[in-house]
Amino acid sequence: MSLLSTSSRTAAYKPALAWFAAIGGLWVFVLVMLGAFTTSIGAGMVFKGWPLSNGSLNPAGWLSDINEFAEHSHRLSAGLMSIITIALAVWIWLSDERAWLRKLAGFAVALVFFQALVGGLRVLLQRYEVEMIDTSVGRLFAMLHACLAQIYVCTLLALALSLTRAWLTPAQDAAAGAAARLRKIGIVCCSLLLVQLAVAAIMRHSFAGLAIPTFPFSTENGGLLPAVWDFRVAINFTHRVMAFVLTIALLWFAARIWLERSAGTGLKEAAGVMVGLLFLQIALGISVIWSTRDPYFTTAHVLVGACTLAMTFGITWWLHRDIIDGPAPTTRA
C-alpha cells in the first residue's frame, strides 16, 4: 500500500498527533517571547548576516553576550519551529482524512517559510533607507514579520484545537445554537486584536513606544489629547484608543458567553481566561510606560498580547466548529 494511500487516513482522535500539535502550539509562544525580547533590547541587528549568525550556527561568544544570545536564540527557535511545523503537516497529511485540515497544515508550512524569508529580509535590507517615511526597508519588513507571527500563532492553534478529542465529539444542538449567536462577536474581536497588534508592531519598530511618555493622560498637564502631533505620537495614541475599544469589545464578548445558558463550562472558563489576559495586558502596558519601557515589561506585554489573541481566536474558532468540520460521522470516537 502506498504511503500516501487515503485508506490509512481517518478523522478519529489520534492522541500522539494531538499532543504533538499541542506542544508545537505552545512552543510558538517561546518564539514570540524571544523575538519580543530581542526587539525590546535593540538586538535585532546584532548579526549583520542571515541565515547564519556571523557565518556560523554556533557563533563564538553568543552565550555570554545578552544581545547575541537573544537574537541567536530567536533564530535557533525559529529553525526548530519550522521543523515542528513541517513534521506536523506531514503527519496530518498522512493520517487525517479531512481535506480542509490538510490544506490548513500546508498553509502553516508556507507561512513559516515566508515568515523566515521576511525575517531574513529584515536583516539584509536594513541598510536601505526610506527617507519619505524616515525608516529603513529592514524595519518595514520587521513590522510585517511581527504581524505574520500573530497569524502563525492562530494557525497553529487552529490545527491543535482541530485535533483534540473534544473537537471530534459532535456538538449538541443547544451548543451549536449558542455558537451561532456568538460567532460574529468573536470575529469582530479577533479582527480588532489583529489591527491592534499591527499598530503595536508599527509603533515598536518606529521607536514610538514612549512618544507619549505619560499615562493615563497624554500630557503632563492632564490633557486627554497630545499637545504636539507627529507620526510617532499619532501611532502611539492610536494604540491607546484601540486598547480602550478592545477592552469594551472583549468584555462584551465574555459577557455574552457567560450569559448564554447553552454555552458549555469550558467555553465560559475560556472567556474568563480571556478577560484575565486582557487586564494583565493593560497592567503590563501601563508598566511599560511608567518604567520607561523596561525590556522585561515590554517583552511580557508583547507575549500576553499574543496570548490574548490566541485565546480570543481559539474561542472563535471553536464556535465555528460545526461549520468548519460539518456534521461528525458516526465513525468518530
Protein backbone atom coordinates (compact mmCIF):
# COMPACT_ATOMS: atom_id res chain seq x y z
CA MET A 1 0.00 0.00 0.00
CA SER A 2 1.27 3.47 -0.88
CA LEU A 3 2.46 5.62 1.98
CA LEU A 4 0.03 8.31 0.81
CA SER A 5 -2.92 5.96 0.42
CA THR A 6 -6.16 7.60 1.55
CA SER A 7 -7.27 4.32 3.11
CA SER A 8 -4.90 4.98 6.02
CA ARG A 9 -6.49 8.35 6.74
CA THR A 10 -9.22 8.72 9.33
CA ALA A 11 -10.85 11.53 11.29
CA ALA A 12 -10.64 9.61 14.56
CA TYR A 13 -8.87 11.07 17.58
CA LYS A 14 -5.13 10.36 17.49
CA PRO A 15 -3.57 11.08 20.91
CA ALA A 16 0.06 11.25 19.76
CA LEU A 17 -0.72 13.63 16.91
CA ALA A 18 -2.93 15.79 19.13
CA TRP A 19 -0.22 16.10 21.77
CA PHE A 20 2.45 16.88 19.19
CA ALA A 21 0.26 19.66 17.78
CA ALA A 22 -0.32 21.00 21.30
CA ILE A 23 3.43 21.08 22.01
CA GLY A 24 4.01 22.92 18.75
CA GLY A 25 1.27 25.37 19.66
CA LEU A 26 2.96 26.06 22.99
CA TRP A 27 6.49 26.31 21.60
CA VAL A 28 5.46 29.11 19.25
CA PHE A 29 4.99 31.35 22.30
CA VAL A 30 8.64 30.76 23.23
CA LEU A 31 9.50 32.00 19.76
CA VAL A 32 7.27 35.07 20.20
CA MET A 33 8.85 35.79 23.59
CA LEU A 34 12.40 35.57 22.23
CA GLY A 35 11.53 37.78 19.28
CA ALA A 36 9.91 40.35 21.56
CA PHE A 37 12.90 40.37 23.92
CA THR A 38 15.31 40.76 21.00
CA THR A 39 13.41 43.80 19.77
CA SER A 40 12.98 45.22 23.28
CA ILE A 41 16.72 45.33 23.93
CA GLY A 42 17.51 46.55 20.41
CA ALA A 43 19.38 43.38 19.40
CA GLY A 44 17.61 42.70 16.12
CA MET A 45 20.65 43.70 14.07
CA VAL A 46 23.43 42.36 16.30
CA PHE A 47 24.26 39.91 13.48
CA LYS A 48 24.55 41.58 10.08
CA GLY A 49 24.16 38.36 8.09
CA TRP A 50 21.41 35.80 7.56
CA PRO A 51 20.59 32.91 7.82
CA LEU A 52 23.84 32.22 9.67
CA SER A 53 24.97 34.32 12.64
CA ASN A 54 28.45 35.67 11.92
CA GLY A 55 28.67 32.90 9.33
CA SER A 56 28.04 30.13 11.86
CA LEU A 57 25.29 28.09 13.50
CA ASN A 58 27.26 28.45 16.73
CA PRO A 59 28.91 31.90 16.70
CA ALA A 60 31.68 32.42 19.21
CA GLY A 61 30.62 34.12 22.43
CA TRP A 62 26.88 34.18 21.81
CA LEU A 63 26.12 32.53 25.16
CA SER A 64 27.91 35.25 27.11
CA ASP A 65 26.58 38.33 25.30
CA ILE A 66 22.92 39.17 26.05
CA ASN A 67 22.29 40.79 22.66
CA GLU A 68 23.80 37.92 20.70
CA PHE A 69 22.09 35.38 22.96
CA ALA A 70 18.67 36.97 22.38
CA GLU A 71 18.97 37.14 18.58
CA HIS A 72 20.67 33.78 18.04
CA SER A 73 18.24 32.01 20.39
CA HIS A 74 15.41 33.51 18.36
CA ARG A 75 16.94 32.18 15.15
CA LEU A 76 17.51 28.71 16.60
CA SER A 77 13.98 28.60 17.99
CA ALA A 78 12.61 29.65 14.61
CA GLY A 79 14.52 26.80 12.98
CA LEU A 80 13.10 24.32 15.49
CA MET A 81 9.60 25.73 14.97
CA SER A 82 9.97 25.23 11.23
CA ILE A 83 10.88 21.56 11.76
CA ILE A 84 7.91 21.09 14.12
CA THR A 85 5.54 22.69 11.60
CA ILE A 86 6.77 20.55 8.70
CA ALA A 87 6.56 17.37 10.79
CA LEU A 88 3.05 18.25 11.95
CA ALA A 89 1.90 18.94 8.41
CA VAL A 90 3.32 15.67 7.07
CA TRP A 91 1.74 13.73 9.95
CA ILE A 92 -1.65 15.33 9.28
CA TRP A 93 -1.40 14.71 5.53
CA LEU A 94 -0.60 11.03 6.09
CA SER A 95 -3.16 10.30 8.77
CA ASP A 96 -6.16 12.65 8.69
CA GLU A 97 -8.95 12.41 6.13
CA ARG A 98 -10.17 15.99 6.49
CA ALA A 99 -9.14 17.84 3.33
CA TRP A 100 -9.57 21.29 4.91
CA LEU A 101 -7.25 20.33 7.79
CA ARG A 102 -4.58 19.08 5.40
CA LYS A 103 -4.80 22.36 3.47
CA LEU A 104 -4.53 24.33 6.71
CA ALA A 105 -1.42 22.33 7.63
CA GLY A 106 0.05 23.12 4.21
CA PHE A 107 -0.72 26.80 4.78
CA ALA A 108 1.14 26.64 8.11
CA VAL A 109 4.25 25.32 6.33
CA ALA A 110 4.04 28.01 3.65
CA LEU A 111 3.57 30.64 6.34
CA VAL A 112 6.57 29.53 8.42
CA PHE A 113 8.84 29.64 5.36
CA PHE A 114 7.50 33.03 4.30
CA GLN A 115 7.95 34.29 7.85
CA ALA A 116 11.57 33.11 7.82
CA LEU A 117 12.15 34.89 4.50
CA VAL A 118 10.65 38.12 5.84
CA GLY A 119 12.85 37.82 8.94
CA GLY A 120 15.90 37.43 6.72
CA LEU A 121 14.98 40.41 4.55
CA ARG A 122 14.61 42.43 7.75
CA VAL A 123 18.34 41.87 8.33
CA LEU A 124 19.62 42.01 4.77
CA LEU A 125 17.75 45.19 3.78
CA GLN A 126 18.31 47.18 6.97
CA ARG A 127 20.90 49.41 5.33
CA TYR A 128 18.46 50.79 2.77
CA GLU A 129 16.66 53.91 3.97
CA VAL A 130 13.19 55.15 3.01
CA GLU A 131 13.60 58.88 3.51
CA MET A 132 9.95 59.70 2.82
CA ILE A 133 8.82 57.93 6.00
CA ASP A 134 12.10 58.19 7.91
CA THR A 135 12.71 54.47 8.31
CA SER A 136 14.60 51.62 6.69
CA VAL A 137 13.39 48.87 4.39
CA GLY A 138 14.55 46.41 7.04
CA ARG A 139 12.28 47.93 9.68
CA LEU A 140 9.32 47.74 7.29
CA PHE A 141 9.97 44.02 6.98
CA ALA A 142 10.31 43.84 10.77
CA MET A 143 6.78 45.24 11.09
CA LEU A 144 5.48 42.64 8.63
CA HIS A 145 7.41 39.94 10.48
CA ALA A 146 5.69 40.85 13.74
CA CYS A 147 2.23 40.81 12.14
CA LEU A 148 2.78 37.46 10.43
CA ALA A 149 3.85 35.99 13.76
CA GLN A 150 0.33 36.58 15.13
CA ILE A 151 -1.29 34.88 12.14
CA TYR A 152 1.11 31.97 12.54
CA VAL A 153 0.15 31.63 16.22
CA CYS A 154 -3.52 31.44 15.27
CA THR A 155 -2.84 28.90 12.50
CA LEU A 156 -1.01 26.52 14.85
CA LEU A 157 -3.75 26.93 17.45
CA ALA A 158 -6.41 26.09 14.87
CA LEU A 159 -4.54 22.91 13.96
CA ALA A 160 -4.10 21.90 17.61
CA LEU A 161 -7.74 22.51 18.53
CA SER A 162 -8.99 20.62 15.47
CA LEU A 163 -7.08 17.50 16.54
CA THR A 164 -8.48 17.31 20.09
CA ARG A 165 -10.92 14.68 21.27
CA ALA A 166 -13.44 17.36 22.22
CA TRP A 167 -13.41 18.84 18.69
CA LEU A 168 -14.14 15.41 17.22
CA THR A 169 -17.10 14.90 19.56
CA PRO A 170 -20.36 16.04 17.89
CA ALA A 171 -21.74 19.24 19.39
CA GLN A 172 -25.18 19.19 20.98
CA ASP A 173 -27.91 21.12 19.17
CA ALA A 174 -28.17 23.64 22.02
CA ALA A 175 -24.42 24.26 21.97
CA ALA A 176 -24.49 24.73 18.20
CA GLY A 177 -27.25 27.31 18.63
CA ALA A 178 -25.20 29.20 21.20
CA ALA A 179 -22.22 29.18 18.86
CA ALA A 180 -24.28 30.69 16.05
CA ARG A 181 -25.29 33.60 18.29
CA LEU A 182 -21.71 34.33 19.37
CA ARG A 183 -19.69 33.91 16.18
CA LYS A 184 -19.98 37.43 14.81
CA ILE A 185 -18.81 38.99 18.08
CA GLY A 186 -15.80 36.68 18.11
CA ILE A 187 -14.87 37.60 14.54
CA VAL A 188 -15.09 41.31 15.38
CA CYS A 189 -12.90 40.85 18.47
CA CYS A 190 -10.27 38.86 16.57
CA SER A 191 -10.22 41.48 13.81
CA LEU A 192 -9.77 44.29 16.33
CA LEU A 193 -6.96 42.39 18.05
CA LEU A 194 -5.13 41.85 14.76
CA VAL A 195 -5.43 45.56 13.96
CA GLN A 196 -4.17 46.45 17.43
CA LEU A 197 -1.21 44.10 17.16
CA ALA A 198 -0.35 45.55 13.74
CA VAL A 199 -0.47 49.06 15.21
CA ALA A 200 1.74 47.85 18.06
CA ALA A 201 4.26 46.38 15.61
CA ILE A 202 4.45 49.66 13.70
CA MET A 203 4.81 51.56 16.97
CA ARG A 204 7.59 49.33 18.30
CA HIS A 205 9.64 49.38 15.11
CA SER A 206 9.14 53.13 14.69
CA PHE A 207 10.59 53.66 18.18
CA ALA A 208 7.31 55.27 19.24
CA GLY A 209 6.68 53.30 22.42
CA LEU A 210 7.33 56.35 24.57
CA ALA A 211 6.17 59.01 22.10
CA ILE A 212 3.53 59.77 24.74
CA PRO A 213 5.51 59.27 27.97
CA THR A 214 2.63 59.81 30.41
CA PHE A 215 -0.36 57.72 31.48
CA PRO A 216 -3.34 57.79 31.85
CA PHE A 217 -3.24 61.29 30.38
CA SER A 218 -1.47 62.26 27.17
CA THR A 219 0.26 65.30 28.62
CA GLU A 220 1.85 66.17 31.94
CA ASN A 221 -0.91 68.73 32.47
CA GLY A 222 -3.65 66.12 32.32
CA GLY A 223 -4.70 66.56 28.70
CA LEU A 224 -6.56 63.73 27.01
CA LEU A 225 -5.06 64.61 23.63
CA PRO A 226 -1.34 65.08 22.90
CA ALA A 227 -0.19 68.70 22.74
CA VAL A 228 2.06 68.10 19.72
CA TRP A 229 1.40 65.65 16.89
CA ASP A 230 3.67 63.75 14.54
CA PHE A 231 3.63 60.21 13.15
CA ARG A 232 5.09 58.59 16.27
CA VAL A 233 2.68 60.39 18.58
CA ALA A 234 -0.24 59.50 16.32
CA ILE A 235 0.57 55.77 16.18
CA ASN A 236 1.09 55.69 19.96
CA PHE A 237 -2.23 57.44 20.57
CA THR A 238 -3.95 55.08 18.13
CA HIS A 239 -2.61 52.16 20.17
CA ARG A 240 -4.15 53.64 23.33
CA VAL A 241 -7.52 54.26 21.67
CA MET A 242 -7.56 50.74 20.27
CA ALA A 243 -6.80 49.36 23.75
CA PHE A 244 -9.91 51.12 25.08
CA VAL A 245 -12.06 49.81 22.18
CA LEU A 246 -10.73 46.29 22.68
CA THR A 247 -11.44 46.37 26.41
CA ILE A 248 -15.11 47.12 25.69
CA ALA A 249 -15.31 44.55 22.89
CA LEU A 250 -13.68 41.68 24.80
CA LEU A 251 -15.71 42.34 27.94
CA TRP A 252 -18.87 42.32 25.82
CA PHE A 253 -17.80 39.05 24.17
CA ALA A 254 -17.12 37.45 27.54
CA ALA A 255 -20.42 38.70 29.00
CA ARG A 256 -22.37 37.26 26.08
CA ILE A 257 -20.67 33.90 26.58
CA TRP A 258 -21.33 33.90 30.33
CA LEU A 259 -24.98 34.83 29.83
CA GLU A 260 -25.54 32.19 27.16
CA ARG A 261 -27.23 29.34 29.02
CA SER A 262 -26.39 26.68 26.47
CA ALA A 263 -22.68 27.59 26.33
CA GLY A 264 -20.55 24.85 27.87
CA THR A 265 -18.50 25.20 31.03
CA GLY A 266 -15.25 25.01 29.07
CA LEU A 267 -16.30 27.90 26.84
CA LYS A 268 -17.22 30.06 29.83
CA GLU A 269 -13.93 29.26 31.57
CA ALA A 270 -12.04 30.19 28.39
CA ALA A 271 -13.88 33.52 28.37
CA GLY A 272 -12.72 34.07 31.95
CA VAL A 273 -9.11 33.43 30.95
CA MET A 274 -9.51 35.85 28.05
CA VAL A 275 -10.69 38.59 30.42
CA GLY A 276 -7.84 37.82 32.82
CA LEU A 277 -5.32 38.15 30.00
CA LEU A 278 -6.95 41.41 28.94
CA PHE A 279 -6.49 43.02 32.36
CA LEU A 280 -2.96 41.64 32.68
CA GLN A 281 -2.16 43.14 29.29
CA ILE A 282 -3.49 46.53 30.38
CA ALA A 283 -1.40 46.40 33.56
CA LEU A 284 1.71 45.49 31.58
CA GLY A 285 1.09 48.30 29.09
CA ILE A 286 0.92 50.79 31.95
CA SER A 287 4.08 49.30 33.44
CA VAL A 288 5.92 49.73 30.14
CA ILE A 289 5.23 53.49 30.26
CA TRP A 290 5.84 54.01 33.97
CA SER A 291 9.10 52.01 33.84
CA THR A 292 10.29 53.96 30.77
CA ARG A 293 9.99 50.88 28.59
CA ASP A 294 11.71 48.28 30.74
CA PRO A 295 12.60 45.41 28.34
CA TYR A 296 11.13 42.72 30.59
CA PHE A 297 7.79 44.51 30.95
CA THR A 298 7.83 45.21 27.21
CA THR A 299 8.53 41.57 26.36
CA ALA A 300 5.78 40.41 28.69
CA HIS A 301 3.39 42.93 27.11
CA VAL A 302 4.05 41.51 23.63
CA LEU A 303 3.77 37.92 24.85
CA VAL A 304 0.49 38.47 26.72
CA GLY A 305 -0.86 40.31 23.69
CA ALA A 306 -0.21 37.19 21.60
CA CYS A 307 -1.82 35.03 24.30
CA THR A 308 -4.89 37.30 24.35
CA LEU A 309 -5.26 36.98 20.59
CA ALA A 310 -4.74 33.22 20.80
CA MET A 311 -7.41 32.80 23.48
CA THR A 312 -9.92 35.00 21.63
CA PHE A 313 -9.20 33.29 18.33
CA GLY A 314 -9.39 29.85 19.97
CA ILE A 315 -12.86 30.61 21.35
CA THR A 316 -13.99 31.98 17.98
CA TRP A 317 -12.55 29.00 16.08
CA TRP A 318 -14.34 26.64 18.45
CA LEU A 319 -17.63 28.48 17.89
CA HIS A 320 -17.26 27.71 14.17
CA ARG A 321 -16.65 24.00 14.74
CA ASP A 322 -19.88 22.74 13.20
CA ILE A 323 -19.34 24.98 10.15
CA ILE A 324 -15.67 24.09 9.65
CA ASP A 325 -15.93 20.35 10.17
CA GLY A 326 -19.59 19.79 9.30
CA PRO A 327 -21.69 17.01 10.85
CA ALA A 328 -19.49 14.49 12.63
CA PRO A 329 -19.57 11.00 11.09
CA THR A 330 -20.56 8.11 13.31
CA THR A 331 -17.09 6.55 12.98
CA ARG A 332 -15.54 9.31 15.11
CA ALA A 333 -14.72 8.18 18.61
